[in-house]
């Protein structure tokens, strides 16, 4: 968590697509929500949502959307 304090909001925002891609990959690989919640991408998505709540959805919401998409593609 120490590295998070050094990131600027701009750096977090620039990484948003990467964090979402990582979240999708974790879901596709069958990781549990509990395991995903311990990742750096989850921490960064949480930090972004807390910093700019009108611009970014919560990681829980993103997880639900991506999980539904992954499940639909697998069906």
PDB file of N, CA and C in Angstrom:
ATOM      1  N   UNK A   1       0.807  -1.189   0.000  1.00  0.00           N
ATOM      2  CA  UNK A   1       0.000   0.000   0.000  1.00  0.00           C
ATOM      3  C   UNK A   1       0.857   1.262   0.000  1.00  0.00           C
ATOM      4  N   UNK A   2       2.098   1.149   0.342  1.00  0.00           N
ATOM      5  CA  UNK A   2       2.958   2.309   0.372  1.00  0.00           C
ATOM      6  C   UNK A   2       3.106   2.976  -0.978  1.00  0.00           C
ATOM      7  N   UNK A   3       3.075   2.197  -2.068  1.00  0.00           N
ATOM      8  CA  UNK A   3       3.226   2.770  -3.400  1.00  0.00           C
ATOM      9  C   UNK A   3       2.013   3.585  -3.802  1.00  0.00           C
ATOM     10  N   UNK A   4       0.837   3.287  -3.251  1.00  0.00           N
ATOM     11  CA  UNK A   4      -0.364   4.032  -3.600  1.00  0.00           C
ATOM     12  C   UNK A   4      -0.243   5.492  -3.216  1.00  0.00           C
ATOM     13  N   UNK A   5       0.384   5.784  -2.095  1.00  0.00           N
ATOM     14  CA  UNK A   5       0.514   7.154  -1.633  1.00  0.00           C
ATOM     15  C   UNK A   5       1.341   7.982  -2.613  1.00  0.00           C
ATOM     16  N   UNK A   6       2.189   7.353  -3.387  1.00  0.00           N
ATOM     17  CA  UNK A   6       3.057   8.063  -4.315  1.00  0.00           C
ATOM     18  C   UNK A   6       2.397   8.302  -5.667  1.00  0.00           C
ATOM     19  N   UNK A   7       1.284   7.634  -5.949  1.00  0.00           N
ATOM     20  CA  UNK A   7       0.616   7.803  -7.227  1.00  0.00           C
ATOM     21  C   UNK A   7      -0.241   9.064  -7.218  1.00  0.00           C
ATOM     22  N   UNK A   8      -0.213   9.788  -8.326  1.00  0.00           N
ATOM     23  CA  UNK A   8      -1.088  10.948  -8.456  1.00  0.00           C
ATOM     24  C   UNK A   8      -2.434  10.486  -9.004  1.00  0.00           C
ATOM     25  N   UNK A   9      -3.427  11.335  -8.881  1.00  0.00           N
ATOM     26  CA  UNK A   9      -4.736  11.009  -9.445  1.00  0.00           C
ATOM     27  C   UNK A   9      -4.607  10.810 -10.955  1.00  0.00           C
ATOM     28  N   UNK A  10      -3.799  11.631 -11.594  1.00  0.00           N
ATOM     29  CA  UNK A  10      -3.583  11.487 -13.039  1.00  0.00           C
ATOM     30  C   UNK A  10      -3.001  10.132 -13.398  1.00  0.00           C
ATOM     31  N   UNK A  11      -2.060   9.661 -12.601  1.00  0.00           N
ATOM     32  CA  UNK A  11      -1.468   8.340 -12.847  1.00  0.00           C
ATOM     33  C   UNK A  11      -2.496   7.232 -12.621  1.00  0.00           C
ATOM     34  N   UNK A  12      -3.303   7.391 -11.589  1.00  0.00           N
ATOM     35  CA  UNK A  12      -4.360   6.408 -11.341  1.00  0.00           C
ATOM     36  C   UNK A  12      -5.349   6.382 -12.502  1.00  0.00           C
ATOM     37  N   UNK A  13      -5.741   7.573 -12.955  1.00  0.00           N
ATOM     38  CA  UNK A  13      -6.690   7.653 -14.065  1.00  0.00           C
ATOM     39  C   UNK A  13      -6.102   7.056 -15.340  1.00  0.00           C
ATOM     40  N   UNK A  14      -4.828   7.293 -15.576  1.00  0.00           N
ATOM     41  CA  UNK A  14      -4.175   6.738 -16.763  1.00  0.00           C
ATOM     42  C   UNK A  14      -4.155   5.214 -16.713  1.00  0.00           C
ATOM     43  N   UNK A  15      -4.093   4.656 -15.504  1.00  0.00           N
ATOM     44  CA  UNK A  15      -4.049   3.212 -15.358  1.00  0.00           C
ATOM     45  C   UNK A  15      -5.409   2.539 -15.328  1.00  0.00           C
ATOM     46  N   UNK A  16      -6.492   3.324 -15.322  1.00  0.00           N
ATOM     47  CA  UNK A  16      -7.835   2.763 -15.196  1.00  0.00           C
ATOM     48  C   UNK A  16      -8.136   1.650 -16.201  1.00  0.00           C
ATOM     49  N   UNK A  17      -7.862   1.845 -17.506  1.00  0.00           N
ATOM     50  CA  UNK A  17      -8.142   0.754 -18.448  1.00  0.00           C
ATOM     51  C   UNK A  17      -7.359  -0.525 -18.120  1.00  0.00           C
ATOM     52  N   UNK A  18      -6.149  -0.369 -17.650  1.00  0.00           N
ATOM     53  CA  UNK A  18      -5.323  -1.517 -17.281  1.00  0.00           C
ATOM     54  C   UNK A  18      -5.897  -2.221 -16.059  1.00  0.00           C
ATOM     55  N   UNK A  19      -6.359  -1.461 -15.075  1.00  0.00           N
ATOM     56  CA  UNK A  19      -6.947  -2.067 -13.881  1.00  0.00           C
ATOM     57  C   UNK A  19      -8.215  -2.841 -14.242  1.00  0.00           C
ATOM     58  N   UNK A  20      -9.023  -2.273 -15.145  1.00  0.00           N
ATOM     59  CA  UNK A  20     -10.242  -2.967 -15.583  1.00  0.00           C
ATOM     60  C   UNK A  20      -9.899  -4.240 -16.349  1.00  0.00           C
ATOM     61  N   UNK A  21      -8.873  -4.171 -17.187  1.00  0.00           N
ATOM     62  CA  UNK A  21      -8.443  -5.349 -17.940  1.00  0.00           C
ATOM     63  C   UNK A  21      -7.938  -6.430 -16.985  1.00  0.00           C
ATOM     64  N   UNK A  22      -7.182  -6.028 -15.979  1.00  0.00           N
ATOM     65  CA  UNK A  22      -6.680  -6.986 -14.989  1.00  0.00           C
ATOM     66  C   UNK A  22      -7.840  -7.616 -14.226  1.00  0.00           C
ATOM     67  N   UNK A  23      -8.831  -6.814 -13.882  1.00  0.00           N
ATOM     68  CA  UNK A  23      -9.998  -7.335 -13.177  1.00  0.00           C
ATOM     69  C   UNK A  23     -10.726  -8.358 -14.036  1.00  0.00           C
ATOM     70  N   UNK A  24     -10.901  -8.054 -15.312  1.00  0.00           N
ATOM     71  CA  UNK A  24     -11.556  -8.993 -16.229  1.00  0.00           C
ATOM     72  C   UNK A  24     -10.760 -10.301 -16.326  1.00  0.00           C
ATOM     73  N   UNK A  25      -9.439 -10.200 -16.414  1.00  0.00           N
ATOM     74  CA  UNK A  25      -8.602 -11.399 -16.509  1.00  0.00           C
ATOM     75  C   UNK A  25      -8.703 -12.250 -15.247  1.00  0.00           C
ATOM     76  N   UNK A  26      -8.734 -11.609 -14.088  1.00  0.00           N
ATOM     77  CA  UNK A  26      -8.864 -12.343 -12.836  1.00  0.00           C
ATOM     78  C   UNK A  26     -10.199 -13.093 -12.790  1.00  0.00           C
ATOM     79  N   UNK A  27     -11.257 -12.431 -13.251  1.00  0.00           N
ATOM     80  CA  UNK A  27     -12.570 -13.067 -13.280  1.00  0.00           C
ATOM     81  C   UNK A  27     -12.562 -14.237 -14.261  1.00  0.00           C
ATOM     82  N   UNK A  28     -12.006 -14.013 -15.456  1.00  0.00           N
ATOM     83  CA  UNK A  28     -11.935 -15.083 -16.461  1.00  0.00           C
ATOM     84  C   UNK A  28     -11.161 -16.289 -15.945  1.00  0.00           C
ATOM     85  N   UNK A  29     -10.146 -16.026 -15.134  1.00  0.00           N
ATOM     86  CA  UNK A  29      -9.324 -17.110 -14.590  1.00  0.00           C
ATOM     87  C   UNK A  29      -9.966 -17.793 -13.391  1.00  0.00           C
ATOM     88  N   UNK A  30     -11.176 -17.380 -13.047  1.00  0.00           N
ATOM     89  CA  UNK A  30     -11.925 -18.048 -11.986  1.00  0.00           C
ATOM     90  C   UNK A  30     -11.519 -17.680 -10.569  1.00  0.00           C
ATOM     91  N   UNK A  31     -10.855 -16.559 -10.405  1.00  0.00           N
ATOM     92  CA  UNK A  31     -10.470 -16.126  -9.057  1.00  0.00           C
ATOM     93  C   UNK A  31     -11.716 -15.738  -8.260  1.00  0.00           C
ATOM     94  N   UNK A  32     -11.698 -16.010  -6.977  1.00  0.00           N
ATOM     95  CA  UNK A  32     -12.832 -15.647  -6.119  1.00  0.00           C
ATOM     96  C   UNK A  32     -12.820 -14.136  -5.876  1.00  0.00           C
ATOM     97  N   UNK A  33     -13.987 -13.614  -5.495  1.00  0.00           N
ATOM     98  CA  UNK A  33     -14.067 -12.188  -5.178  1.00  0.00           C
ATOM     99  C   UNK A  33     -13.113 -11.853  -4.043  1.00  0.00           C
ATOM    100  N   UNK A  34     -13.025 -12.729  -3.058  1.00  0.00           N
ATOM    101  CA  UNK A  34     -12.130 -12.486  -1.919  1.00  0.00           C
ATOM    102  C   UNK A  34     -10.674 -12.384  -2.379  1.00  0.00           C
ATOM    103  N   UNK A  35     -10.270 -13.255  -3.296  1.00  0.00           N
ATOM    104  CA  UNK A  35      -8.898 -13.210  -3.812  1.00  0.00           C
ATOM    105  C   UNK A  35      -8.672 -11.931  -4.623  1.00  0.00           C
ATOM    106  N   UNK A  36      -9.665 -11.566  -5.419  1.00  0.00           N
ATOM    107  CA  UNK A  36      -9.553 -10.361  -6.245  1.00  0.00           C
ATOM    108  C   UNK A  36      -9.453  -9.118  -5.370  1.00  0.00           C
ATOM    109  N   UNK A  37     -10.165  -9.112  -4.257  1.00  0.00           N
ATOM    110  CA  UNK A  37     -10.153  -7.949  -3.370  1.00  0.00           C
ATOM    111  C   UNK A  37      -8.795  -7.731  -2.708  1.00  0.00           C
ATOM    112  N   UNK A  38      -7.915  -8.686  -2.801  1.00  0.00           N
ATOM    113  CA  UNK A  38      -6.575  -8.546  -2.229  1.00  0.00           C
ATOM    114  C   UNK A  38      -5.538  -8.123  -3.269  1.00  0.00           C
ATOM    115  N   UNK A  39      -5.972  -7.765  -4.469  1.00  0.00           N
ATOM    116  CA  UNK A  39      -5.030  -7.407  -5.532  1.00  0.00           C
ATOM    117  C   UNK A  39      -4.774  -5.904  -5.587  1.00  0.00           C
ATOM    118  N   UNK A  40      -3.692  -5.558  -6.242  1.00  0.00           N
ATOM    119  CA  UNK A  40      -3.347  -4.148  -6.444  1.00  0.00           C
ATOM    120  C   UNK A  40      -4.389  -3.473  -7.321  1.00  0.00           C
ATOM    121  N   UNK A  41      -4.876  -4.169  -8.360  1.00  0.00           N
ATOM    122  CA  UNK A  41      -5.853  -3.524  -9.235  1.00  0.00           C
ATOM    123  C   UNK A  41      -7.111  -3.160  -8.453  1.00  0.00           C
ATOM    124  N   UNK A  42      -7.548  -4.017  -7.537  1.00  0.00           N
ATOM    125  CA  UNK A  42      -8.727  -3.713  -6.714  1.00  0.00           C
ATOM    126  C   UNK A  42      -8.452  -2.492  -5.829  1.00  0.00           C
ATOM    127  N   UNK A  43      -7.274  -2.451  -5.228  1.00  0.00           N
ATOM    128  CA  UNK A  43      -6.912  -1.313  -4.380  1.00  0.00           C
ATOM    129  C   UNK A  43      -6.906  -0.005  -5.172  1.00  0.00           C
ATOM    130  N   UNK A  44      -6.384  -0.061  -6.377  1.00  0.00           N
ATOM    131  CA  UNK A  44      -6.310   1.155  -7.198  1.00  0.00           C
ATOM    132  C   UNK A  44      -7.696   1.579  -7.677  1.00  0.00           C
ATOM    133  N   UNK A  45      -8.540   0.614  -8.051  1.00  0.00           N
ATOM    134  CA  UNK A  45      -9.909   0.947  -8.443  1.00  0.00           C
ATOM    135  C   UNK A  45     -10.678   1.547  -7.269  1.00  0.00           C
ATOM    136  N   UNK A  46     -10.449   1.016  -6.079  1.00  0.00           N
ATOM    137  CA  UNK A  46     -11.090   1.550  -4.874  1.00  0.00           C
ATOM    138  C   UNK A  46     -10.624   2.976  -4.614  1.00  0.00           C
ATOM    139  N   UNK A  47      -9.330   3.203  -4.741  1.00  0.00           N
ATOM    140  CA  UNK A  47      -8.773   4.531  -4.513  1.00  0.00           C
ATOM    141  C   UNK A  47      -9.327   5.544  -5.518  1.00  0.00           C
ATOM    142  N   UNK A  48      -9.429   5.128  -6.775  1.00  0.00           N
ATOM    143  CA  UNK A  48      -9.997   6.012  -7.792  1.00  0.00           C
ATOM    144  C   UNK A  48     -11.448   6.364  -7.468  1.00  0.00           C
ATOM    145  N   UNK A  49     -12.224   5.371  -7.077  1.00  0.00           N
ATOM    146  CA  UNK A  49     -13.633   5.613  -6.790  1.00  0.00           C
ATOM    147  C   UNK A  49     -13.793   6.514  -5.571  1.00  0.00           C
ATOM    148  N   UNK A  50     -12.945   6.323  -4.579  1.00  0.00           N
ATOM    149  CA  UNK A  50     -13.016   7.182  -3.383  1.00  0.00           C
ATOM    150  C   UNK A  50     -12.567   8.602  -3.693  1.00  0.00           C
ATOM    151  N   UNK A  51     -11.604   8.749  -4.587  1.00  0.00           N
ATOM    152  CA  UNK A  51     -11.077  10.069  -4.927  1.00  0.00           C
ATOM    153  C   UNK A  51     -12.006  10.834  -5.867  1.00  0.00           C
ATOM    154  N   UNK A  52     -12.603  10.122  -6.814  1.00  0.00           N
ATOM    155  CA  UNK A  52     -13.470  10.758  -7.818  1.00  0.00           C
ATOM    156  C   UNK A  52     -14.767   9.950  -7.955  1.00  0.00           C
ATOM    157  N   UNK A  53     -15.625   9.986  -6.930  1.00  0.00           N
ATOM    158  CA  UNK A  53     -16.806   9.125  -6.922  1.00  0.00           C
ATOM    159  C   UNK A  53     -17.821   9.413  -8.028  1.00  0.00           C
ATOM    160  N   UNK A  54     -17.820  10.634  -8.545  1.00  0.00           N
ATOM    161  CA  UNK A  54     -18.769  10.927  -9.625  1.00  0.00           C
ATOM    162  C   UNK A  54     -18.272  10.423 -10.980  1.00  0.00           C
ATOM    163  N   UNK A  55     -16.989  10.137 -11.073  1.00  0.00           N
ATOM    164  CA  UNK A  55     -16.405   9.713 -12.339  1.00  0.00           C
ATOM    165  C   UNK A  55     -16.191   8.200 -12.428  1.00  0.00           C
ATOM    166  N   UNK A  56     -15.979   7.538 -11.284  1.00  0.00           N
ATOM    167  CA  UNK A  56     -15.649   6.121 -11.295  1.00  0.00           C
ATOM    168  C   UNK A  56     -16.602   5.319 -10.421  1.00  0.00           C
ATOM    169  N   UNK A  57     -17.038   4.182 -10.947  1.00  0.00           N
ATOM    170  CA  UNK A  57     -17.909   3.270 -10.202  1.00  0.00           C
ATOM    171  C   UNK A  57     -17.080   2.494  -9.192  1.00  0.00           C
ATOM    172  N   UNK A  58     -17.773   1.925  -8.214  1.00  0.00           N
ATOM    173  CA  UNK A  58     -17.080   1.124  -7.203  1.00  0.00           C
ATOM    174  C   UNK A  58     -16.549  -0.162  -7.824  1.00  0.00           C
ATOM    175  N   UNK A  59     -15.469  -0.701  -7.278  1.00  0.00           N
ATOM    176  CA  UNK A  59     -14.945  -1.970  -7.781  1.00  0.00           C
ATOM    177  C   UNK A  59     -15.981  -3.097  -7.684  1.00  0.00           C
ATOM    178  N   UNK A  60     -16.828  -3.055  -6.662  1.00  0.00           N
ATOM    179  CA  UNK A  60     -17.867  -4.082  -6.538  1.00  0.00           C
ATOM    180  C   UNK A  60     -18.823  -4.032  -7.731  1.00  0.00           C
ATOM    181  N   UNK A  61     -19.188  -2.836  -8.136  1.00  0.00           N
ATOM    182  CA  UNK A  61     -20.067  -2.660  -9.295  1.00  0.00           C
ATOM    183  C   UNK A  61     -19.376  -3.148 -10.569  1.00  0.00           C
ATOM    184  N   UNK A  62     -18.114  -2.751 -10.747  1.00  0.00           N
ATOM    185  CA  UNK A  62     -17.349  -3.200 -11.920  1.00  0.00           C
ATOM    186  C   UNK A  62     -17.223  -4.719 -11.936  1.00  0.00           C
ATOM    187  N   UNK A  63     -16.982  -5.298 -10.764  1.00  0.00           N
ATOM    188  CA  UNK A  63     -16.878  -6.751 -10.664  1.00  0.00           C
ATOM    189  C   UNK A  63     -18.173  -7.404 -11.143  1.00  0.00           C
ATOM    190  N   UNK A  64     -19.306  -6.896 -10.674  1.00  0.00           N
ATOM    191  CA  UNK A  64     -20.596  -7.471 -11.048  1.00  0.00           C
ATOM    192  C   UNK A  64     -20.823  -7.379 -12.557  1.00  0.00           C
ATOM    193  N   UNK A  65     -20.508  -6.232 -13.149  1.00  0.00           N
ATOM    194  CA  UNK A  65     -20.672  -6.070 -14.595  1.00  0.00           C
ATOM    195  C   UNK A  65     -19.767  -7.020 -15.379  1.00  0.00           C
ATOM    196  N   UNK A  66     -18.501  -7.032 -15.010  1.00  0.00           N
ATOM    197  CA  UNK A  66     -17.546  -7.876 -15.732  1.00  0.00           C
ATOM    198  C   UNK A  66     -17.835  -9.358 -15.526  1.00  0.00           C
ATOM    199  N   UNK A  67     -18.245  -9.730 -14.322  1.00  0.00           N
ATOM    200  CA  UNK A  67     -18.576 -11.123 -14.033  1.00  0.00           C
ATOM    201  C   UNK A  67     -19.748 -11.566 -14.903  1.00  0.00           C
ATOM    202  N   UNK A  68     -20.757 -10.710 -15.015  1.00  0.00           N
ATOM    203  CA  UNK A  68     -21.914 -11.033 -15.862  1.00  0.00           C
ATOM    204  C   UNK A  68     -21.474 -11.213 -17.318  1.00  0.00           C
ATOM    205  N   UNK A  69     -20.635 -10.289 -17.821  1.00  0.00           N
ATOM    206  CA  UNK A  69     -20.148 -10.405 -19.191  1.00  0.00           C
ATOM    207  C   UNK A  69     -19.357 -11.681 -19.418  1.00  0.00           C
ATOM    208  N   UNK A  70     -18.459 -11.992 -18.507  1.00  0.00           N
ATOM    209  CA  UNK A  70     -17.633 -13.202 -18.623  1.00  0.00           C
ATOM    210  C   UNK A  70     -18.512 -14.448 -18.582  1.00  0.00           C
ATOM    211  N   UNK A  71     -19.481 -14.458 -17.672  1.00  0.00           N
ATOM    212  CA  UNK A  71     -20.385 -15.608 -17.563  1.00  0.00           C
ATOM    213  C   UNK A  71     -21.221 -15.783 -18.813  1.00  0.00           C
ATOM    214  N   UNK A  72     -21.693 -14.679 -19.403  1.00  0.00           N
ATOM    215  CA  UNK A  72     -22.485 -14.753 -20.622  1.00  0.00           C
ATOM    216  C   UNK A  72     -21.665 -15.276 -21.797  1.00  0.00           C
ATOM    217  N   UNK A  73     -20.418 -14.859 -21.878  1.00  0.00           N
ATOM    218  CA  UNK A  73     -19.548 -15.329 -22.966  1.00  0.00           C
ATOM    219  C   UNK A  73     -19.232 -16.813 -22.814  1.00  0.00           C
ATOM    220  N   UNK A  74     -19.141 -17.267 -21.571  1.00  0.00           N
ATOM    221  CA  UNK A  74     -18.810 -18.669 -21.312  1.00  0.00           C
ATOM    222  C   UNK A  74     -20.003 -19.592 -21.555  1.00  0.00           C
ATOM    223  N   UNK A  75     -21.207 -19.050 -21.507  1.00  0.00           N
ATOM    224  CA  UNK A  75     -22.420 -19.867 -21.653  1.00  0.00           C
ATOM    225  C   UNK A  75     -22.655 -20.310 -23.077  1.00  0.00           C
TER     226      UNK A  75
END
